[in-house]
């Protein structure tokens, strides 16, 4: 047997003051300030990308995108996203989709 011993933890696992502050708000109800989505996509996550859609380009289109990526601060992906987003927003506004 080794000479090591496990010392019991004497610190509180939770700060009692923080626990009391947390528990004091348990009875309070937060007002609902969120508005109902105006369009079907307003409530969807706009940060996380999904792998559900891939685009295919012709050799010419891909060559142009590579030149764009080499000569501008945007990558091929960023350039395509900006172009697609502009068209999507224009379409949504012009068709008054709700």
N, C-alpha and C. Protein backbone atom coordinates (compact mmCIF):
# COMPACT_ATOMS: atom_id res chain seq x y z
N UNK A 1 0.85 -1.17 0.00
CA UNK A 1 0.00 0.00 0.00
C UNK A 1 0.90 1.23 0.00
N UNK A 2 0.49 2.26 -0.76
CA UNK A 2 1.29 3.49 -0.83
C UNK A 2 1.01 4.37 0.38
N UNK A 3 1.84 5.36 0.54
CA UNK A 3 1.69 6.26 1.66
C UNK A 3 0.74 7.42 1.38
N UNK A 4 0.08 7.39 0.21
CA UNK A 4 -0.84 8.48 -0.15
C UNK A 4 -2.19 8.27 0.52
N UNK A 5 -2.77 9.37 0.93
CA UNK A 5 -4.11 9.33 1.51
C UNK A 5 -4.99 10.35 0.80
N UNK A 6 -6.23 10.02 0.63
CA UNK A 6 -7.19 10.94 0.03
C UNK A 6 -7.80 11.76 1.14
N UNK A 7 -7.67 13.09 0.98
CA UNK A 7 -8.25 13.97 1.99
C UNK A 7 -9.68 14.31 1.58
N UNK A 8 -10.59 14.32 2.52
CA UNK A 8 -11.97 14.66 2.18
C UNK A 8 -12.07 16.14 1.78
N UNK A 9 -12.99 16.43 0.88
CA UNK A 9 -13.22 17.80 0.44
C UNK A 9 -13.98 18.54 1.52
N UNK A 10 -13.38 19.61 2.03
CA UNK A 10 -14.03 20.37 3.11
C UNK A 10 -14.71 21.62 2.59
N UNK A 11 -14.47 21.97 1.32
CA UNK A 11 -15.12 23.15 0.74
C UNK A 11 -16.56 22.81 0.37
N UNK A 12 -17.41 23.79 0.45
CA UNK A 12 -18.79 23.61 0.00
C UNK A 12 -18.80 23.50 -1.52
N UNK A 13 -19.59 22.60 -2.06
CA UNK A 13 -19.65 22.42 -3.50
C UNK A 13 -20.34 23.59 -4.19
N UNK A 14 -21.23 24.26 -3.48
CA UNK A 14 -21.96 25.39 -4.02
C UNK A 14 -21.83 26.54 -3.03
N UNK A 15 -21.57 27.73 -3.56
CA UNK A 15 -21.50 28.92 -2.71
C UNK A 15 -22.89 29.18 -2.14
N UNK A 16 -23.04 29.17 -0.82
CA UNK A 16 -24.36 29.34 -0.21
C UNK A 16 -25.04 30.65 -0.60
N UNK A 17 -24.28 31.73 -0.75
CA UNK A 17 -24.87 33.02 -1.12
C UNK A 17 -25.42 32.97 -2.55
N UNK A 18 -24.67 32.36 -3.46
CA UNK A 18 -25.13 32.25 -4.85
C UNK A 18 -26.36 31.35 -4.94
N UNK A 19 -26.37 30.29 -4.14
CA UNK A 19 -27.51 29.39 -4.12
C UNK A 19 -28.75 30.11 -3.61
N UNK A 20 -28.61 30.92 -2.58
CA UNK A 20 -29.74 31.65 -2.02
C UNK A 20 -30.26 32.68 -3.03
N UNK A 21 -29.34 33.35 -3.73
CA UNK A 21 -29.75 34.34 -4.73
C UNK A 21 -30.49 33.66 -5.88
N UNK A 22 -30.02 32.50 -6.28
CA UNK A 22 -30.67 31.74 -7.35
C UNK A 22 -32.06 31.29 -6.91
N UNK A 23 -32.16 30.75 -5.71
CA UNK A 23 -33.43 30.22 -5.21
C UNK A 23 -34.45 31.33 -4.97
N UNK A 24 -33.98 32.54 -4.66
CA UNK A 24 -34.93 33.63 -4.39
C UNK A 24 -35.70 34.03 -5.64
N UNK A 25 -35.17 33.78 -6.80
CA UNK A 25 -35.86 34.12 -8.03
C UNK A 25 -36.72 33.00 -8.58
N UNK A 26 -36.85 31.91 -7.87
CA UNK A 26 -37.59 30.75 -8.37
C UNK A 26 -39.08 31.01 -8.51
N UNK A 27 -39.64 31.88 -7.69
CA UNK A 27 -41.07 32.14 -7.75
C UNK A 27 -41.45 33.22 -8.77
N UNK A 28 -40.46 33.94 -9.27
CA UNK A 28 -40.74 35.03 -10.20
C UNK A 28 -40.92 34.49 -11.61
N UNK A 29 -41.91 35.02 -12.30
CA UNK A 29 -42.18 34.62 -13.67
C UNK A 29 -41.66 35.71 -14.59
N UNK A 30 -40.87 35.32 -15.57
CA UNK A 30 -40.35 36.29 -16.52
C UNK A 30 -41.43 36.63 -17.53
N UNK A 31 -41.57 37.90 -17.86
CA UNK A 31 -42.57 38.26 -18.87
C UNK A 31 -42.15 37.76 -20.25
N UNK A 32 -43.12 37.34 -21.01
CA UNK A 32 -42.84 36.85 -22.36
C UNK A 32 -42.75 38.05 -23.30
N UNK A 33 -41.54 38.33 -23.75
CA UNK A 33 -41.35 39.48 -24.63
C UNK A 33 -41.08 39.04 -26.06
N UNK A 34 -40.89 37.77 -26.27
CA UNK A 34 -40.60 37.29 -27.62
C UNK A 34 -41.83 37.43 -28.50
N UNK A 35 -41.62 37.96 -29.67
CA UNK A 35 -42.72 38.11 -30.61
C UNK A 35 -42.88 36.84 -31.43
N UNK A 36 -44.05 36.63 -31.90
CA UNK A 36 -44.30 35.46 -32.76
C UNK A 36 -43.53 35.66 -34.07
N UNK A 37 -43.00 34.59 -34.64
CA UNK A 37 -42.26 34.72 -35.90
C UNK A 37 -43.14 35.31 -37.00
N UNK A 38 -42.56 36.23 -37.78
CA UNK A 38 -43.31 36.85 -38.87
C UNK A 38 -43.28 35.99 -40.12
N UNK A 39 -42.20 35.24 -40.29
CA UNK A 39 -42.08 34.35 -41.45
C UNK A 39 -41.75 32.95 -40.96
N UNK A 40 -41.90 31.95 -41.78
CA UNK A 40 -41.63 30.58 -41.33
C UNK A 40 -40.19 30.36 -40.88
N UNK A 41 -39.24 31.19 -41.33
CA UNK A 41 -37.84 30.98 -40.99
C UNK A 41 -37.34 31.91 -39.90
N UNK A 42 -38.17 32.82 -39.38
CA UNK A 42 -37.72 33.75 -38.34
C UNK A 42 -37.29 33.03 -37.06
N UNK A 43 -37.89 31.93 -36.75
CA UNK A 43 -37.56 31.23 -35.51
C UNK A 43 -36.42 30.22 -35.68
N UNK A 44 -35.91 30.08 -36.89
CA UNK A 44 -34.86 29.09 -37.15
C UNK A 44 -33.48 29.65 -36.83
N UNK A 45 -32.56 28.77 -36.48
CA UNK A 45 -31.18 29.13 -36.16
C UNK A 45 -30.46 29.61 -37.42
N UNK A 46 -29.84 30.79 -37.32
CA UNK A 46 -29.13 31.35 -38.47
C UNK A 46 -27.62 31.27 -38.28
N UNK A 47 -27.17 30.52 -37.30
CA UNK A 47 -25.74 30.42 -37.02
C UNK A 47 -25.14 29.08 -37.45
N UNK A 48 -25.85 28.01 -37.17
CA UNK A 48 -25.31 26.67 -37.42
C UNK A 48 -25.66 26.23 -38.84
N UNK A 49 -24.66 25.82 -39.57
CA UNK A 49 -24.86 25.34 -40.94
C UNK A 49 -25.32 23.89 -40.93
N UNK A 50 -26.16 23.55 -41.88
CA UNK A 50 -26.60 22.17 -42.01
C UNK A 50 -25.97 21.55 -43.25
N UNK A 51 -25.66 20.29 -43.22
CA UNK A 51 -25.04 19.63 -44.38
C UNK A 51 -26.06 19.12 -45.39
N UNK A 52 -27.24 19.71 -45.40
CA UNK A 52 -28.34 19.15 -46.19
C UNK A 52 -28.32 19.56 -47.66
N UNK A 53 -27.50 20.54 -48.05
CA UNK A 53 -27.58 21.05 -49.41
C UNK A 53 -26.18 21.30 -49.94
N UNK A 54 -25.85 20.73 -51.06
CA UNK A 54 -24.56 21.01 -51.68
C UNK A 54 -24.79 21.53 -53.09
N UNK A 55 -23.92 22.42 -53.52
CA UNK A 55 -24.06 23.02 -54.84
C UNK A 55 -23.02 22.43 -55.78
N UNK A 56 -23.40 22.31 -57.03
CA UNK A 56 -22.47 21.84 -58.06
C UNK A 56 -22.23 22.98 -59.04
N UNK A 57 -20.97 23.20 -59.39
CA UNK A 57 -20.60 24.25 -60.31
C UNK A 57 -19.97 23.66 -61.56
N UNK A 58 -20.08 24.41 -62.65
CA UNK A 58 -19.37 24.02 -63.86
C UNK A 58 -17.90 24.34 -63.65
N UNK A 59 -17.05 23.82 -64.51
CA UNK A 59 -15.62 24.10 -64.40
C UNK A 59 -15.35 25.60 -64.53
N UNK A 60 -16.08 26.26 -65.41
CA UNK A 60 -15.93 27.71 -65.60
C UNK A 60 -16.32 28.47 -64.33
N UNK A 61 -17.46 28.12 -63.75
CA UNK A 61 -17.92 28.79 -62.53
C UNK A 61 -16.93 28.59 -61.39
N UNK A 62 -16.42 27.38 -61.28
CA UNK A 62 -15.47 27.08 -60.21
C UNK A 62 -14.16 27.85 -60.42
N UNK A 63 -13.72 27.99 -61.66
CA UNK A 63 -12.51 28.77 -61.95
C UNK A 63 -12.70 30.22 -61.55
N UNK A 64 -13.86 30.78 -61.87
CA UNK A 64 -14.15 32.16 -61.49
C UNK A 64 -14.16 32.30 -59.96
N UNK A 65 -14.77 31.34 -59.28
CA UNK A 65 -14.80 31.38 -57.81
C UNK A 65 -13.40 31.29 -57.23
N UNK A 66 -12.54 30.49 -57.82
CA UNK A 66 -11.16 30.39 -57.32
C UNK A 66 -10.43 31.71 -57.47
N UNK A 67 -10.63 32.39 -58.60
CA UNK A 67 -10.01 33.71 -58.80
C UNK A 67 -10.54 34.71 -57.77
N UNK A 68 -11.83 34.65 -57.52
CA UNK A 68 -12.43 35.54 -56.50
C UNK A 68 -11.78 35.28 -55.14
N UNK A 69 -11.62 34.01 -54.79
CA UNK A 69 -11.02 33.66 -53.50
C UNK A 69 -9.57 34.11 -53.41
N UNK A 70 -8.85 34.10 -54.53
CA UNK A 70 -7.44 34.49 -54.53
C UNK A 70 -7.26 36.01 -54.52
N UNK A 71 -8.22 36.74 -55.06
CA UNK A 71 -8.03 38.19 -55.24
C UNK A 71 -8.89 39.05 -54.32
N UNK A 72 -9.75 38.45 -53.53
CA UNK A 72 -10.58 39.21 -52.59
C UNK A 72 -10.43 38.61 -51.20
N UNK A 73 -10.88 39.32 -50.18
CA UNK A 73 -10.80 38.76 -48.82
C UNK A 73 -11.76 37.58 -48.59
N UNK A 74 -12.73 37.40 -49.47
CA UNK A 74 -13.72 36.33 -49.29
C UNK A 74 -13.21 35.01 -49.81
N UNK A 75 -13.60 33.94 -49.14
CA UNK A 75 -13.36 32.60 -49.66
C UNK A 75 -14.45 32.29 -50.68
N UNK A 76 -14.32 31.20 -51.37
CA UNK A 76 -15.36 30.79 -52.32
C UNK A 76 -16.69 30.61 -51.59
N UNK A 77 -16.63 29.99 -50.45
CA UNK A 77 -17.82 29.75 -49.63
C UNK A 77 -18.47 31.06 -49.21
N UNK A 78 -17.66 31.99 -48.67
CA UNK A 78 -18.21 33.26 -48.21
C UNK A 78 -18.83 34.05 -49.36
N UNK A 79 -18.17 34.06 -50.51
CA UNK A 79 -18.70 34.78 -51.66
C UNK A 79 -20.06 34.22 -52.07
N UNK A 80 -20.15 32.90 -52.14
CA UNK A 80 -21.42 32.27 -52.52
C UNK A 80 -22.52 32.57 -51.50
N UNK A 81 -22.18 32.50 -50.20
CA UNK A 81 -23.17 32.80 -49.16
C UNK A 81 -23.68 34.22 -49.27
N UNK A 82 -22.78 35.18 -49.49
CA UNK A 82 -23.20 36.58 -49.61
C UNK A 82 -24.14 36.75 -50.80
N UNK A 83 -23.78 36.16 -51.92
CA UNK A 83 -24.61 36.30 -53.13
C UNK A 83 -25.98 35.65 -52.92
N UNK A 84 -25.99 34.48 -52.33
CA UNK A 84 -27.26 33.77 -52.11
C UNK A 84 -28.13 34.52 -51.11
N UNK A 85 -27.52 35.01 -50.03
CA UNK A 85 -28.29 35.75 -49.02
C UNK A 85 -28.93 37.00 -49.62
N UNK A 86 -28.18 37.72 -50.46
CA UNK A 86 -28.74 38.92 -51.09
C UNK A 86 -29.98 38.55 -51.90
N UNK A 87 -29.89 37.51 -52.68
CA UNK A 87 -31.03 37.09 -53.51
C UNK A 87 -32.19 36.58 -52.66
N UNK A 88 -31.88 35.85 -51.60
CA UNK A 88 -32.94 35.35 -50.72
C UNK A 88 -33.70 36.50 -50.06
N UNK A 89 -32.96 37.49 -49.55
CA UNK A 89 -33.61 38.64 -48.91
C UNK A 89 -34.45 39.42 -49.92
N UNK A 90 -33.91 39.62 -51.12
CA UNK A 90 -34.65 40.33 -52.16
C UNK A 90 -35.94 39.59 -52.52
N UNK A 91 -35.83 38.28 -52.66
CA UNK A 91 -36.99 37.46 -52.99
C UNK A 91 -38.05 37.55 -51.88
N UNK A 92 -37.60 37.41 -50.62
CA UNK A 92 -38.54 37.44 -49.49
C UNK A 92 -39.25 38.79 -49.40
N UNK A 93 -38.52 39.88 -49.63
CA UNK A 93 -39.14 41.22 -49.57
C UNK A 93 -40.10 41.45 -50.73
N UNK A 94 -39.69 41.03 -51.92
CA UNK A 94 -40.52 41.31 -53.10
C UNK A 94 -41.78 40.45 -53.14
N UNK A 95 -41.75 39.29 -52.51
CA UNK A 95 -42.92 38.41 -52.52
C UNK A 95 -43.73 38.51 -51.24
N UNK A 96 -43.29 39.35 -50.32
CA UNK A 96 -43.99 39.56 -49.04
C UNK A 96 -44.37 38.24 -48.40
N UNK A 97 -43.39 37.36 -48.27
CA UNK A 97 -43.64 36.04 -47.70
C UNK A 97 -43.84 36.17 -46.20
N UNK A 98 -44.89 35.53 -45.71
CA UNK A 98 -45.16 35.55 -44.26
C UNK A 98 -45.44 34.16 -43.79
